[in-house]
Every structure is written in structure tokens, then in C-alpha cells.
């Protein structure tokens, strides 16, 4: 099931000096299967998202699948045509 995409992208503003830093961090982001332990000692399979070699977010499998589909939809919605100069006000 594909999640609906917004007609306009959400805006994100960053300062030029932070853009290079953000790009460096982005190169370290990865995910892997993990075993998550609850406070009561029970365990379950999940997906961990890591950056700079440290865990940043642990997700249930269903949430990881939803996020993966949303990422794929967002990537597919980006126009890769360099001649397309559409700007969102």
C-alpha cells in the first residue's frame, strides 16, 4: 500500500554552513536488524537506524516498513530533470 504524498513538499531551511555538515552526517546513516529488549526483559525483532555509528532510533518492523515506503514515495516524487526549475512558494 502506497501512502499518499503531499502536493507540495514540506519546507526545510538550513544555513549554508550546516549543509556540508548535514551531508557528512547523511553519509553515515544506515539501518540494520536488531533485537529490542523491553524494560520487562521481553525481546522482539526490530530495525535500528544508526548515524555516526550510534543508535538513533529503534522501530517495530511495521513502523520500519511504513517508513521505507514513505521514503520510496518521497524519492520517486522528486523530479530528476535538471531543466525543471519548479519552485514552491
PDB file of N, CA and C in Angstrom:
ATOM      1  N   UNK A   1       0.843  -1.175   0.000  1.00  0.00           N
ATOM      2  CA  UNK A   1       0.000   0.000   0.000  1.00  0.00           C
ATOM      3  C   UNK A   1       0.889   1.240   0.000  1.00  0.00           C
ATOM      4  N   UNK A   2       0.614   2.132  -0.912  1.00  0.00           N
ATOM      5  CA  UNK A   2       1.405   3.349  -1.026  1.00  0.00           C
ATOM      6  C   UNK A   2       0.711   4.471  -0.272  1.00  0.00           C
ATOM      7  N   UNK A   3       1.475   5.164   0.545  1.00  0.00           N
ATOM      8  CA  UNK A   3       0.928   6.291   1.296  1.00  0.00           C
ATOM      9  C   UNK A   3       0.756   7.475   0.350  1.00  0.00           C
ATOM     10  N   UNK A   4      -0.302   8.270   0.524  1.00  0.00           N
ATOM     11  CA  UNK A   4      -0.472   9.443  -0.334  1.00  0.00           C
ATOM     12  C   UNK A   4       0.634  10.449  -0.072  1.00  0.00           C
ATOM     13  N   UNK A   5       1.042  11.125  -1.131  1.00  0.00           N
ATOM     14  CA  UNK A   5       2.080  12.136  -0.984  1.00  0.00           C
ATOM     15  C   UNK A   5       1.447  13.513  -0.973  1.00  0.00           C
ATOM     16  N   UNK A   6       2.085  14.443  -0.316  1.00  0.00           N
ATOM     17  CA  UNK A   6       1.589  15.815  -0.275  1.00  0.00           C
ATOM     18  C   UNK A   6       1.810  16.468  -1.630  1.00  0.00           C
ATOM     19  N   UNK A   7       0.884  17.353  -2.056  1.00  0.00           N
ATOM     20  CA  UNK A   7       1.083  18.027  -3.332  1.00  0.00           C
ATOM     21  C   UNK A   7       2.308  18.937  -3.311  1.00  0.00           C
ATOM     22  N   UNK A   8       2.606  19.514  -2.177  1.00  0.00           N
ATOM     23  CA  UNK A   8       3.791  20.358  -2.026  1.00  0.00           C
ATOM     24  C   UNK A   8       4.681  19.733  -0.958  1.00  0.00           C
ATOM     25  N   UNK A   9       5.983  19.780  -1.176  1.00  0.00           N
ATOM     26  CA  UNK A   9       6.864  19.221  -0.147  1.00  0.00           C
ATOM     27  C   UNK A   9       6.879  20.104   1.098  1.00  0.00           C
ATOM     28  N   UNK A  10       7.180  19.490   2.229  1.00  0.00           N
ATOM     29  CA  UNK A  10       7.371  20.275   3.447  1.00  0.00           C
ATOM     30  C   UNK A  10       8.665  21.049   3.289  1.00  0.00           C
ATOM     31  N   UNK A  11       8.676  22.238   3.820  1.00  0.00           N
ATOM     32  CA  UNK A  11       9.861  23.088   3.671  1.00  0.00           C
ATOM     33  C   UNK A  11      10.835  22.817   4.813  1.00  0.00           C
ATOM     34  N   UNK A  12      12.090  22.840   4.476  1.00  0.00           N
ATOM     35  CA  UNK A  12      13.147  22.669   5.463  1.00  0.00           C
ATOM     36  C   UNK A  12      14.218  23.687   5.126  1.00  0.00           C
ATOM     37  N   UNK A  13      14.581  24.485   6.094  1.00  0.00           N
ATOM     38  CA  UNK A  13      15.579  25.528   5.868  1.00  0.00           C
ATOM     39  C   UNK A  13      16.828  25.206   6.676  1.00  0.00           C
ATOM     40  N   UNK A  14      17.964  25.347   6.036  1.00  0.00           N
ATOM     41  CA  UNK A  14      19.230  25.137   6.729  1.00  0.00           C
ATOM     42  C   UNK A  14      20.199  26.246   6.336  1.00  0.00           C
ATOM     43  N   UNK A  15      21.096  26.538   7.206  1.00  0.00           N
ATOM     44  CA  UNK A  15      22.106  27.551   6.917  1.00  0.00           C
ATOM     45  C   UNK A  15      23.193  26.926   6.049  1.00  0.00           C
ATOM     46  N   UNK A  16      23.788  27.709   5.140  1.00  0.00           N
ATOM     47  CA  UNK A  16      24.812  27.153   4.242  1.00  0.00           C
ATOM     48  C   UNK A  16      25.933  26.424   4.974  1.00  0.00           C
ATOM     49  N   UNK A  17      26.364  26.922   6.117  1.00  0.00           N
ATOM     50  CA  UNK A  17      27.471  26.267   6.825  1.00  0.00           C
ATOM     51  C   UNK A  17      27.043  24.915   7.399  1.00  0.00           C
ATOM     52  N   UNK A  18      25.730  24.752   7.627  1.00  0.00           N
ATOM     53  CA  UNK A  18      25.240  23.485   8.156  1.00  0.00           C
ATOM     54  C   UNK A  18      25.019  22.449   7.057  1.00  0.00           C
ATOM     55  N   UNK A  19      24.856  22.900   5.807  1.00  0.00           N
ATOM     56  CA  UNK A  19      24.565  21.969   4.721  1.00  0.00           C
ATOM     57  C   UNK A  19      25.680  20.934   4.563  1.00  0.00           C
ATOM     58  N   UNK A  20      26.932  21.375   4.578  1.00  0.00           N
ATOM     59  CA  UNK A  20      28.052  20.444   4.443  1.00  0.00           C
ATOM     60  C   UNK A  20      28.066  19.455   5.605  1.00  0.00           C
ATOM     61  N   UNK A  21      27.835  19.955   6.819  1.00  0.00           N
ATOM     62  CA  UNK A  21      27.791  19.089   8.000  1.00  0.00           C
ATOM     63  C   UNK A  21      26.667  18.059   7.854  1.00  0.00           C
ATOM     64  N   UNK A  22      25.485  18.506   7.421  1.00  0.00           N
ATOM     65  CA  UNK A  22      24.354  17.592   7.242  1.00  0.00           C
ATOM     66  C   UNK A  22      24.680  16.521   6.208  1.00  0.00           C
ATOM     67  N   UNK A  23      25.373  16.909   5.136  1.00  0.00           N
ATOM     68  CA  UNK A  23      25.739  15.946   4.100  1.00  0.00           C
ATOM     69  C   UNK A  23      26.720  14.907   4.651  1.00  0.00           C
ATOM     70  N   UNK A  24      27.660  15.337   5.474  1.00  0.00           N
ATOM     71  CA  UNK A  24      28.612  14.400   6.077  1.00  0.00           C
ATOM     72  C   UNK A  24      27.889  13.404   6.979  1.00  0.00           C
ATOM     73  N   UNK A  25      26.964  13.903   7.793  1.00  0.00           N
ATOM     74  CA  UNK A  25      26.192  13.029   8.685  1.00  0.00           C
ATOM     75  C   UNK A  25      25.367  12.050   7.856  1.00  0.00           C
ATOM     76  N   UNK A  26      24.754  12.542   6.779  1.00  0.00           N
ATOM     77  CA  UNK A  26      23.910  11.697   5.930  1.00  0.00           C
ATOM     78  C   UNK A  26      24.671  10.496   5.395  1.00  0.00           C
ATOM     79  N   UNK A  27      25.959  10.663   5.136  1.00  0.00           N
ATOM     80  CA  UNK A  27      26.768   9.565   4.607  1.00  0.00           C
ATOM     81  C   UNK A  27      26.946   8.443   5.622  1.00  0.00           C
ATOM     82  N   UNK A  28      26.688   8.705   6.905  1.00  0.00           N
ATOM     83  CA  UNK A  28      26.892   7.687   7.937  1.00  0.00           C
ATOM     84  C   UNK A  28      25.596   6.991   8.333  1.00  0.00           C
ATOM     85  N   UNK A  29      24.453   7.416   7.793  1.00  0.00           N
ATOM     86  CA  UNK A  29      23.164   6.836   8.192  1.00  0.00           C
ATOM     87  C   UNK A  29      23.010   5.456   7.567  1.00  0.00           C
ATOM     88  N   UNK A  30      22.646   4.487   8.409  1.00  0.00           N
ATOM     89  CA  UNK A  30      22.338   3.153   7.914  1.00  0.00           C
ATOM     90  C   UNK A  30      21.329   2.492   8.840  1.00  0.00           C
ATOM     91  N   UNK A  31      20.876   1.320   8.447  1.00  0.00           N
ATOM     92  CA  UNK A  31      19.922   0.587   9.276  1.00  0.00           C
ATOM     93  C   UNK A  31      20.311  -0.882   9.295  1.00  0.00           C
ATOM     94  N   UNK A  32      19.813  -1.585  10.312  1.00  0.00           N
ATOM     95  CA  UNK A  32      20.127  -3.000  10.446  1.00  0.00           C
ATOM     96  C   UNK A  32      19.051  -3.655  11.300  1.00  0.00           C
ATOM     97  N   UNK A  33      18.929  -4.954  11.152  1.00  0.00           N
ATOM     98  CA  UNK A  33      18.019  -5.708  12.006  1.00  0.00           C
ATOM     99  C   UNK A  33      18.600  -5.740  13.415  1.00  0.00           C
ATOM    100  N   UNK A  34      17.748  -5.529  14.412  1.00  0.00           N
ATOM    101  CA  UNK A  34      18.198  -5.532  15.802  1.00  0.00           C
ATOM    102  C   UNK A  34      17.223  -6.337  16.656  1.00  0.00           C
ATOM    103  N   UNK A  35      17.668  -6.703  17.826  1.00  0.00           N
ATOM    104  CA  UNK A  35      16.799  -7.294  18.837  1.00  0.00           C
ATOM    105  C   UNK A  35      16.571  -6.216  19.880  1.00  0.00           C
ATOM    106  N   UNK A  36      15.316  -5.857  20.070  1.00  0.00           N
ATOM    107  CA  UNK A  36      14.963  -4.801  21.018  1.00  0.00           C
ATOM    108  C   UNK A  36      14.493  -5.454  22.311  1.00  0.00           C
ATOM    109  N   UNK A  37      15.017  -4.987  23.438  1.00  0.00           N
ATOM    110  CA  UNK A  37      14.636  -5.515  24.746  1.00  0.00           C
ATOM    111  C   UNK A  37      13.797  -4.483  25.475  1.00  0.00           C
ATOM    112  N   UNK A  38      12.608  -4.895  25.868  1.00  0.00           N
ATOM    113  CA  UNK A  38      11.727  -4.020  26.650  1.00  0.00           C
ATOM    114  C   UNK A  38      12.206  -3.992  28.100  1.00  0.00           C
ATOM    115  N   UNK A  39      11.666  -3.049  28.856  1.00  0.00           N
ATOM    116  CA  UNK A  39      12.068  -2.912  30.260  1.00  0.00           C
ATOM    117  C   UNK A  39      11.694  -4.141  31.086  1.00  0.00           C
ATOM    118  N   UNK A  40      10.681  -4.915  30.632  1.00  0.00           N
ATOM    119  CA  UNK A  40      10.300  -6.120  31.372  1.00  0.00           C
ATOM    120  C   UNK A  40      11.161  -7.331  31.001  1.00  0.00           C
ATOM    121  N   UNK A  41      12.132  -7.135  30.102  1.00  0.00           N
ATOM    122  CA  UNK A  41      13.038  -8.206  29.716  1.00  0.00           C
ATOM    123  C   UNK A  41      12.626  -8.958  28.463  1.00  0.00           C
ATOM    124  N   UNK A  42      11.407  -8.743  27.979  1.00  0.00           N
ATOM    125  CA  UNK A  42      10.987  -9.421  26.751  1.00  0.00           C
ATOM    126  C   UNK A  42      11.696  -8.803  25.547  1.00  0.00           C
ATOM    127  N   UNK A  43      11.884  -9.612  24.512  1.00  0.00           N
ATOM    128  CA  UNK A  43      12.602  -9.143  23.327  1.00  0.00           C
ATOM    129  C   UNK A  43      11.750  -9.335  22.081  1.00  0.00           C
ATOM    130  N   UNK A  44      12.048  -8.558  21.055  1.00  0.00           N
ATOM    131  CA  UNK A  44      11.394  -8.717  19.760  1.00  0.00           C
ATOM    132  C   UNK A  44      12.298  -8.160  18.676  1.00  0.00           C
ATOM    133  N   UNK A  45      12.073  -8.632  17.452  1.00  0.00           N
ATOM    134  CA  UNK A  45      12.866  -8.177  16.309  1.00  0.00           C
ATOM    135  C   UNK A  45      12.423  -6.779  15.924  1.00  0.00           C
ATOM    136  N   UNK A  46      13.365  -5.979  15.521  1.00  0.00           N
ATOM    137  CA  UNK A  46      13.071  -4.624  15.082  1.00  0.00           C
ATOM    138  C   UNK A  46      14.126  -4.151  14.106  1.00  0.00           C
ATOM    139  N   UNK A  47      14.046  -2.887  13.774  1.00  0.00           N
ATOM    140  CA  UNK A  47      15.000  -2.267  12.860  1.00  0.00           C
ATOM    141  C   UNK A  47      15.619  -1.079  13.574  1.00  0.00           C
ATOM    142  N   UNK A  48      16.939  -1.016  13.555  1.00  0.00           N
ATOM    143  CA  UNK A  48      17.646   0.107  14.156  1.00  0.00           C
ATOM    144  C   UNK A  48      18.139   1.050  13.081  1.00  0.00           C
ATOM    145  N   UNK A  49      18.012   2.334  13.324  1.00  0.00           N
ATOM    146  CA  UNK A  49      18.569   3.353  12.443  1.00  0.00           C
ATOM    147  C   UNK A  49      19.751   3.958  13.183  1.00  0.00           C
ATOM    148  N   UNK A  50      20.890   4.002  12.507  1.00  0.00           N
ATOM    149  CA  UNK A  50      22.135   4.446  13.114  1.00  0.00           C
ATOM    150  C   UNK A  50      22.728   5.601  12.323  1.00  0.00           C
ATOM    151  N   UNK A  51      23.418   6.502  13.011  1.00  0.00           N
ATOM    152  CA  UNK A  51      24.246   7.506  12.340  1.00  0.00           C
ATOM    153  C   UNK A  51      25.466   7.748  13.211  1.00  0.00           C
ATOM    154  N   UNK A  52      26.565   8.024  12.549  1.00  0.00           N
ATOM    155  CA  UNK A  52      27.851   8.194  13.228  1.00  0.00           C
ATOM    156  C   UNK A  52      28.161   6.993  14.117  1.00  0.00           C
ATOM    157  N   UNK A  53      27.687   5.805  13.704  1.00  0.00           N
ATOM    158  CA  UNK A  53      27.960   4.581  14.436  1.00  0.00           C
ATOM    159  C   UNK A  53      27.170   4.410  15.717  1.00  0.00           C
ATOM    160  N   UNK A  54      26.225   5.295  15.970  1.00  0.00           N
ATOM    161  CA  UNK A  54      25.440   5.222  17.208  1.00  0.00           C
ATOM    162  C   UNK A  54      23.972   4.994  16.888  1.00  0.00           C
ATOM    163  N   UNK A  55      23.252   4.259  17.760  1.00  0.00           N
ATOM    164  CA  UNK A  55      21.823   4.059  17.519  1.00  0.00           C
ATOM    165  C   UNK A  55      21.064   5.373  17.687  1.00  0.00           C
ATOM    166  N   UNK A  56      20.170   5.646  16.766  1.00  0.00           N
ATOM    167  CA  UNK A  56      19.379   6.880  16.820  1.00  0.00           C
ATOM    168  C   UNK A  56      17.897   6.602  16.989  1.00  0.00           C
ATOM    169  N   UNK A  57      17.429   5.498  16.417  1.00  0.00           N
ATOM    170  CA  UNK A  57      16.005   5.181  16.507  1.00  0.00           C
ATOM    171  C   UNK A  57      15.829   3.678  16.364  1.00  0.00           C
ATOM    172  N   UNK A  58      14.994   3.083  17.203  1.00  0.00           N
ATOM    173  CA  UNK A  58      14.647   1.674  17.093  1.00  0.00           C
ATOM    174  C   UNK A  58      13.175   1.603  16.710  1.00  0.00           C
ATOM    175  N   UNK A  59      12.850   0.809  15.694  1.00  0.00           N
ATOM    176  CA  UNK A  59      11.491   0.743  15.171  1.00  0.00           C
ATOM    177  C   UNK A  59      10.958  -0.682  15.184  1.00  0.00           C
ATOM    178  N   UNK A  60       9.646  -0.810  15.439  1.00  0.00           N
ATOM    179  CA  UNK A  60       8.969  -2.081  15.209  1.00  0.00           C
ATOM    180  C   UNK A  60       9.024  -2.350  13.712  1.00  0.00           C
ATOM    181  N   UNK A  61       8.942  -3.596  13.320  1.00  0.00           N
ATOM    182  CA  UNK A  61       9.034  -3.962  11.909  1.00  0.00           C
ATOM    183  C   UNK A  61       7.972  -3.237  11.079  1.00  0.00           C
ATOM    184  N   UNK A  62       6.742  -3.154  11.593  1.00  0.00           N
ATOM    185  CA  UNK A  62       5.663  -2.497  10.847  1.00  0.00           C
ATOM    186  C   UNK A  62       5.971  -1.016  10.627  1.00  0.00           C
ATOM    187  N   UNK A  63       6.513  -0.363  11.641  1.00  0.00           N
ATOM    188  CA  UNK A  63       6.858   1.059  11.510  1.00  0.00           C
ATOM    189  C   UNK A  63       8.023   1.254  10.546  1.00  0.00           C
ATOM    190  N   UNK A  64       8.980   0.336  10.568  1.00  0.00           N
ATOM    191  CA  UNK A  64      10.112   0.418   9.645  1.00  0.00           C
ATOM    192  C   UNK A  64       9.637   0.245   8.204  1.00  0.00           C
ATOM    193  N   UNK A  65       8.700  -0.676   7.987  1.00  0.00           N
ATOM    194  CA  UNK A  65       8.150  -0.886   6.643  1.00  0.00           C
ATOM    195  C   UNK A  65       7.412   0.365   6.170  1.00  0.00           C
ATOM    196  N   UNK A  66       6.606   0.965   7.049  1.00  0.00           N
ATOM    197  CA  UNK A  66       5.877   2.194   6.706  1.00  0.00           C
ATOM    198  C   UNK A  66       6.859   3.302   6.340  1.00  0.00           C
ATOM    199  N   UNK A  67       7.917   3.461   7.136  1.00  0.00           N
ATOM    200  CA  UNK A  67       8.922   4.485   6.857  1.00  0.00           C
ATOM    201  C   UNK A  67       9.620   4.222   5.523  1.00  0.00           C
ATOM    202  N   UNK A  68       9.949   2.959   5.255  1.00  0.00           N
ATOM    203  CA  UNK A  68      10.607   2.613   3.989  1.00  0.00           C
ATOM    204  C   UNK A  68       9.719   2.964   2.798  1.00  0.00           C
ATOM    205  N   UNK A  69       8.428   2.690   2.914  1.00  0.00           N
ATOM    206  CA  UNK A  69       7.502   3.028   1.823  1.00  0.00           C
ATOM    207  C   UNK A  69       7.387   4.539   1.647  1.00  0.00           C
ATOM    208  N   UNK A  70       7.350   5.264   2.757  1.00  0.00           N
ATOM    209  CA  UNK A  70       7.282   6.724   2.668  1.00  0.00           C
ATOM    210  C   UNK A  70       8.560   7.292   2.044  1.00  0.00           C
ATOM    211  N   UNK A  71       9.708   6.742   2.414  1.00  0.00           N
ATOM    212  CA  UNK A  71      10.971   7.180   1.814  1.00  0.00           C
ATOM    213  C   UNK A  71      10.974   6.905   0.309  1.00  0.00           C
ATOM    214  N   UNK A  72      10.531   5.715  -0.076  1.00  0.00           N
ATOM    215  CA  UNK A  72      10.495   5.371  -1.503  1.00  0.00           C
ATOM    216  C   UNK A  72       9.561   6.309  -2.264  1.00  0.00           C
ATOM    217  N   UNK A  73       8.392   6.595  -1.693  1.00  0.00           N
ATOM    218  CA  UNK A  73       7.454   7.516  -2.344  1.00  0.00           C
ATOM    219  C   UNK A  73       8.052   8.910  -2.479  1.00  0.00           C
ATOM    220  N   UNK A  74       8.718   9.371  -1.429  1.00  0.00           N
ATOM    221  CA  UNK A  74       9.322  10.708  -1.478  1.00  0.00           C
ATOM    222  C   UNK A  74      10.413  10.768  -2.544  1.00  0.00           C
ATOM    223  N   UNK A  75      11.224   9.724  -2.617  1.00  0.00           N
ATOM    224  CA  UNK A  75      12.297   9.689  -3.611  1.00  0.00           C
ATOM    225  C   UNK A  75      11.718   9.664  -5.017  1.00  0.00           C
ATOM    226  N   UNK A  76      10.695   8.844  -5.230  1.00  0.00           N
ATOM    227  CA  UNK A  76      10.082   8.750  -6.551  1.00  0.00           C
ATOM    228  C   UNK A  76       9.408  10.049  -6.966  1.00  0.00           C
ATOM    229  N   UNK A  77       8.964  10.839  -5.992  1.00  0.00           N
ATOM    230  CA  UNK A  77       8.252  12.073  -6.326  1.00  0.00           C
ATOM    231  C   UNK A  77       9.194  13.212  -6.713  1.00  0.00           C
ATOM    232  N   UNK A  78      10.471  13.054  -6.435  1.00  0.00           N
ATOM    233  CA  UNK A  78      11.431  14.106  -6.775  1.00  0.00           C
ATOM    234  C   UNK A  78      11.669  14.087  -8.274  1.00  0.00           C
ATOM    235  N   UNK A  79      11.584  15.237  -8.846  1.00  0.00           N
ATOM    236  CA  UNK A  79      11.825  15.336 -10.285  1.00  0.00           C
ATOM    237  C   UNK A  79      13.322  15.373 -10.521  1.00  0.00           C
ATOM    238  N   UNK A  80      13.777  14.438 -11.291  1.00  0.00           N
ATOM    239  CA  UNK A  80      15.209  14.323 -11.534  1.00  0.00           C
ATOM    240  C   UNK A  80      15.652  15.068 -12.786  1.00  0.00           C
ATOM    241  N   UNK A  81      14.744  15.775 -13.424  1.00  0.00           N
ATOM    242  CA  UNK A  81      15.064  16.527 -14.629  1.00  0.00           C
ATOM    243  C   UNK A  81      15.736  17.833 -14.229  1.00  0.00           C
ATOM    244  N   UNK A  82      17.021  18.030 -14.555  1.00  0.00           N
ATOM    245  CA  UNK A  82      17.718  19.260 -14.149  1.00  0.00           C
ATOM    246  C   UNK A  82      17.148  20.510 -14.810  1.00  0.00           C
ATOM    247  N   UNK A  83      16.397  20.343 -15.913  1.00  0.00           N
ATOM    248  CA  UNK A  83      15.795  21.501 -16.572  1.00  0.00           C
ATOM    249  C   UNK A  83      14.523  21.960 -15.871  1.00  0.00           C
ATOM    250  N   UNK A  84      14.038  21.167 -14.942  1.00  0.00           N
ATOM    251  CA  UNK A  84      12.804  21.506 -14.231  1.00  0.00           C
ATOM    252  C   UNK A  84      13.144  22.467 -13.103  1.00  0.00           C
ATOM    253  N   UNK A  85      12.768  23.701 -13.259  1.00  0.00           N
ATOM    254  CA  UNK A  85      13.120  24.736 -12.275  1.00  0.00           C
ATOM    255  C   UNK A  85      11.920  25.103 -11.417  1.00  0.00           C
ATOM    256  N   UNK A  86      11.031  24.155 -11.193  1.00  0.00           N
ATOM    257  CA  UNK A  86       9.838  24.444 -10.409  1.00  0.00           C
ATOM    258  C   UNK A  86      10.234  24.814  -8.980  1.00  0.00           C
ATOM    259  N   UNK A  87       9.696  25.910  -8.518  1.00  0.00           N
ATOM    260  CA  UNK A  87       9.978  26.385  -7.165  1.00  0.00           C
ATOM    261  C   UNK A  87       8.653  26.462  -6.429  1.00  0.00           C
ATOM    262  N   UNK A  88       8.648  25.986  -5.201  1.00  0.00           N
ATOM    263  CA  UNK A  88       7.439  26.037  -4.393  1.00  0.00           C
ATOM    264  C   UNK A  88       7.476  27.280  -3.520  1.00  0.00           C
ATOM    265  N   UNK A  89       6.463  28.133  -3.644  1.00  0.00           N
ATOM    266  CA  UNK A  89       6.461  29.379  -2.846  1.00  0.00           C
ATOM    267  C   UNK A  89       6.281  29.120  -1.365  1.00  0.00           C
TER     268      UNK A  89
END
